[in-house]
Amino acid sequence: MIGDIYRIKFILPGKGDAEGELIRIKGPHLTELINRNLPITSRGLKREGMFVIPTQVLYAIEKPKETGKKGEIAYDSKAKAIIVLLSDQRFDSKMAVIGAITKNLKIIEKLQTSTGVRIENIE
């Protein structure tokens, strides 16, 4: 359905969990593709107000934006990465904002550099 929300969890081993949601209406094909590829295990890197999680998901940007707000989840097609915004951002290149962190953003904000991360469905 067009109004679907996919509830996801970011598991940071030894540090805790954060919850979020992918909102289908913000990028219908992209959110479906990411949801079908879950769970995703990668190594996230914290830099410049963002937590960047490289993936193997490759898809074009739907509904591109030049800015994002703290706590939003974005997708960068050039980097093939899911990005959690840790501050309000103006993007160098357009990205798709596809969701938001709904619980425990502070766990990700407290990270110093890089860490393992697993993204999976809650349901």
C-alpha atoms as a PDB file:
ATOM      1  CA  MET A   1       0.000   0.000   0.000  1.00  0.00           C
ATOM      2  CA  ILE A   2       1.141   3.543  -0.672  1.00  0.00           C
ATOM      3  CA  GLY A   3       0.933   4.636   2.991  1.00  0.00           C
ATOM      4  CA  ASP A   4       2.947   1.720   4.375  1.00  0.00           C
ATOM      5  CA  ILE A   5       5.471   2.300   7.112  1.00  0.00           C
ATOM      6  CA  TYR A   6       8.210  -0.283   7.605  1.00  0.00           C
ATOM      7  CA  ARG A   7       9.473  -0.380  11.185  1.00  0.00           C
ATOM      8  CA  ILE A   8      13.182  -1.146  11.390  1.00  0.00           C
ATOM      9  CA  LYS A   9      15.841  -1.568  14.063  1.00  0.00           C
ATOM     10  CA  PHE A  10      19.482  -0.495  13.968  1.00  0.00           C
ATOM     11  CA  ILE A  11      21.441  -2.940  16.131  1.00  0.00           C
ATOM     12  CA  LEU A  12      24.839  -1.665  17.298  1.00  0.00           C
ATOM     13  CA  PRO A  13      26.587  -4.616  18.999  1.00  0.00           C
ATOM     14  CA  GLY A  14      27.691  -3.797  22.531  1.00  0.00           C
ATOM     15  CA  LYS A  15      26.157  -0.322  22.355  1.00  0.00           C
ATOM     16  CA  GLY A  16      22.389  -0.743  22.019  1.00  0.00           C
ATOM     17  CA  ASP A  17      19.557  -0.462  19.527  1.00  0.00           C
ATOM     18  CA  ALA A  18      17.786   2.404  17.783  1.00  0.00           C
ATOM     19  CA  GLU A  19      14.413   2.126  16.063  1.00  0.00           C
ATOM     20  CA  GLY A  20      13.216   3.862  12.955  1.00  0.00           C
ATOM     21  CA  GLU A  21      10.759   3.691  10.115  1.00  0.00           C
ATOM     22  CA  LEU A  22      10.927   3.719   6.350  1.00  0.00           C
ATOM     23  CA  ILE A  23       7.970   5.652   4.960  1.00  0.00           C
ATOM     24  CA  ARG A  24       6.904   4.219   1.616  1.00  0.00           C
ATOM     25  CA  ILE A  25       5.281   7.395   0.297  1.00  0.00           C
ATOM     26  CA  LYS A  26       8.668   9.195   0.469  1.00  0.00           C
ATOM     27  CA  GLY A  27      10.242   6.746  -2.001  1.00  0.00           C
ATOM     28  CA  PRO A  28       7.963   3.840  -2.937  1.00  0.00           C
ATOM     29  CA  HIS A  29      10.356   1.724  -4.993  1.00  0.00           C
ATOM     30  CA  LEU A  30      13.439   2.526  -2.928  1.00  0.00           C
ATOM     31  CA  THR A  31      11.823   1.737   0.437  1.00  0.00           C
ATOM     32  CA  GLU A  32      10.420  -1.517  -0.978  1.00  0.00           C
ATOM     33  CA  LEU A  33      13.865  -2.498  -2.267  1.00  0.00           C
ATOM     34  CA  ILE A  34      15.566  -1.734   1.041  1.00  0.00           C
ATOM     35  CA  ASN A  35      12.853  -3.559   2.988  1.00  0.00           C
ATOM     36  CA  ARG A  36      13.241  -6.657   0.783  1.00  0.00           C
ATOM     37  CA  ASN A  37      17.031  -6.625   1.309  1.00  0.00           C
ATOM     38  CA  LEU A  38      16.796  -6.602   5.114  1.00  0.00           C
ATOM     39  CA  PRO A  39      18.621  -7.635   7.203  1.00  0.00           C
ATOM     40  CA  ILE A  40      21.613  -5.534   6.152  1.00  0.00           C
ATOM     41  CA  THR A  41      24.889  -6.023   8.016  1.00  0.00           C
ATOM     42  CA  SER A  42      27.593  -3.441   7.486  1.00  0.00           C
ATOM     43  CA  ARG A  43      30.054  -1.143   9.199  1.00  0.00           C
ATOM     44  CA  GLY A  44      28.715   2.339   9.855  1.00  0.00           C
ATOM     45  CA  LEU A  45      30.941   5.400   9.891  1.00  0.00           C
ATOM     46  CA  LYS A  46      30.166   8.573  11.812  1.00  0.00           C
ATOM     47  CA  ARG A  47      31.262  11.759  10.053  1.00  0.00           C
ATOM     48  CA  GLU A  48      30.177  15.370   9.624  1.00  0.00           C
ATOM     49  CA  GLY A  49      26.846  15.044  11.437  1.00  0.00           C
ATOM     50  CA  MET A  50      25.921  11.797   9.693  1.00  0.00           C
ATOM     51  CA  PHE A  51      26.074   8.064  10.380  1.00  0.00           C
ATOM     52  CA  VAL A  52      26.805   6.472   6.998  1.00  0.00           C
ATOM     53  CA  ILE A  53      25.963   2.785   6.485  1.00  0.00           C
ATOM     54  CA  PRO A  54      27.270   1.353   3.177  1.00  0.00           C
ATOM     55  CA  THR A  55      24.937  -1.197   1.547  1.00  0.00           C
ATOM     56  CA  GLN A  56      24.702  -3.268  -1.608  1.00  0.00           C
ATOM     57  CA  VAL A  57      21.368  -1.603  -2.488  1.00  0.00           C
ATOM     58  CA  LEU A  58      21.651   0.353  -5.729  1.00  0.00           C
ATOM     59  CA  TYR A  59      18.706   2.402  -6.893  1.00  0.00           C
ATOM     60  CA  ALA A  60      18.017   5.852  -8.319  1.00  0.00           C
ATOM     61  CA  ILE A  61      16.898   8.701  -6.071  1.00  0.00           C
ATOM     62  CA  GLU A  62      13.137   9.135  -5.796  1.00  0.00           C
ATOM     63  CA  LYS A  63      11.851  12.540  -4.737  1.00  0.00           C
ATOM     64  CA  PRO A  64      15.336  14.076  -4.331  1.00  0.00           C
ATOM     65  CA  LYS A  65      15.990  16.652  -1.635  1.00  0.00           C
ATOM     66  CA  GLU A  66      18.838  19.049  -0.955  1.00  0.00           C
ATOM     67  CA  THR A  67      18.323  19.255   2.822  1.00  0.00           C
ATOM     68  CA  GLY A  68      17.501  16.942   5.708  1.00  0.00           C
ATOM     69  CA  LYS A  69      16.635  17.302   9.382  1.00  0.00           C
ATOM     70  CA  LYS A  70      18.188  15.718  12.447  1.00  0.00           C
ATOM     71  CA  GLY A  71      16.877  12.184  12.977  1.00  0.00           C
ATOM     72  CA  GLU A  72      15.864  11.544   9.370  1.00  0.00           C
ATOM     73  CA  ILE A  73      16.998   8.511   7.369  1.00  0.00           C
ATOM     74  CA  ALA A  74      18.281   9.264   3.867  1.00  0.00           C
ATOM     75  CA  TYR A  75      19.653   7.244   0.958  1.00  0.00           C
ATOM     76  CA  ASP A  76      22.638   8.338  -1.127  1.00  0.00           C
ATOM     77  CA  SER A  77      22.702   6.560  -4.496  1.00  0.00           C
ATOM     78  CA  LYS A  78      26.276   7.652  -5.302  1.00  0.00           C
ATOM     79  CA  ALA A  79      27.645   6.074  -2.108  1.00  0.00           C
ATOM     80  CA  LYS A  80      25.078   3.235  -2.074  1.00  0.00           C
ATOM     81  CA  ALA A  81      24.529   4.116   1.583  1.00  0.00           C
ATOM     82  CA  ILE A  82      21.764   4.554   4.125  1.00  0.00           C
ATOM     83  CA  ILE A  83      22.437   7.672   6.170  1.00  0.00           C
ATOM     84  CA  VAL A  84      21.123   8.651   9.598  1.00  0.00           C
ATOM     85  CA  LEU A  85      21.275  12.430   9.979  1.00  0.00           C
ATOM     86  CA  LEU A  86      22.670  13.518  13.357  1.00  0.00           C
ATOM     87  CA  SER A  87      22.135  17.227  12.648  1.00  0.00           C
ATOM     88  CA  ASP A  88      20.264  19.344  10.117  1.00  0.00           C
ATOM     89  CA  GLN A  89      22.153  18.981   6.827  1.00  0.00           C
ATOM     90  CA  ARG A  90      22.473  20.557   3.416  1.00  0.00           C
ATOM     91  CA  PHE A  91      23.549  17.799   1.019  1.00  0.00           C
ATOM     92  CA  ASP A  92      26.374  18.199  -1.523  1.00  0.00           C
ATOM     93  CA  SER A  93      24.326  16.141  -3.965  1.00  0.00           C
ATOM     94  CA  LYS A  94      20.630  15.351  -3.855  1.00  0.00           C
ATOM     95  CA  MET A  95      19.506  12.463  -1.660  1.00  0.00           C
ATOM     96  CA  ALA A  96      16.250  10.714  -0.908  1.00  0.00           C
ATOM     97  CA  VAL A  97      14.882  11.232   2.599  1.00  0.00           C
ATOM     98  CA  ILE A  98      13.014   7.973   3.179  1.00  0.00           C
ATOM     99  CA  GLY A  99      12.244   7.813   6.881  1.00  0.00           C
ATOM    100  CA  ALA A 100      13.182   8.781  10.419  1.00  0.00           C
ATOM    101  CA  ILE A 101      14.632   7.456  13.652  1.00  0.00           C
ATOM    102  CA  THR A 102      11.804   7.101  16.166  1.00  0.00           C
ATOM    103  CA  LYS A 103      13.631   5.823  19.242  1.00  0.00           C
ATOM    104  CA  ASN A 104      17.151   6.036  20.751  1.00  0.00           C
ATOM    105  CA  LEU A 105      18.843   8.430  18.312  1.00  0.00           C
ATOM    106  CA  LYS A 106      21.191   9.208  21.237  1.00  0.00           C
ATOM    107  CA  ILE A 107      22.791   5.747  20.894  1.00  0.00           C
ATOM    108  CA  ILE A 108      23.986   6.679  17.407  1.00  0.00           C
ATOM    109  CA  GLU A 109      24.945  10.234  18.423  1.00  0.00           C
ATOM    110  CA  LYS A 110      27.258   8.907  21.165  1.00  0.00           C
ATOM    111  CA  LEU A 111      29.373   6.897  18.716  1.00  0.00           C
ATOM    112  CA  GLN A 112      32.963   8.072  18.343  1.00  0.00           C
ATOM    113  CA  THR A 113      33.918   6.707  14.902  1.00  0.00           C
ATOM    114  CA  SER A 114      32.875   3.503  13.161  1.00  0.00           C
ATOM    115  CA  THR A 115      31.034   0.441  14.420  1.00  0.00           C
ATOM    116  CA  GLY A 116      29.313  -2.662  13.147  1.00  0.00           C
ATOM    117  CA  VAL A 117      25.595  -2.239  12.483  1.00  0.00           C
ATOM    118  CA  ARG A 118      22.754  -4.529  11.505  1.00  0.00           C
ATOM    119  CA  ILE A 119      19.484  -3.166  10.129  1.00  0.00           C
ATOM    120  CA  GLU A 120      16.493  -5.487  10.372  1.00  0.00           C
ATOM    121  CA  ASN A 121      12.698  -5.473  10.378  1.00  0.00           C
ATOM    122  CA  ILE A 122      10.945  -5.183  13.722  1.00  0.00           C
ATOM    123  CA  GLU A 123       7.874  -7.126  12.652  1.00  0.00           C
END
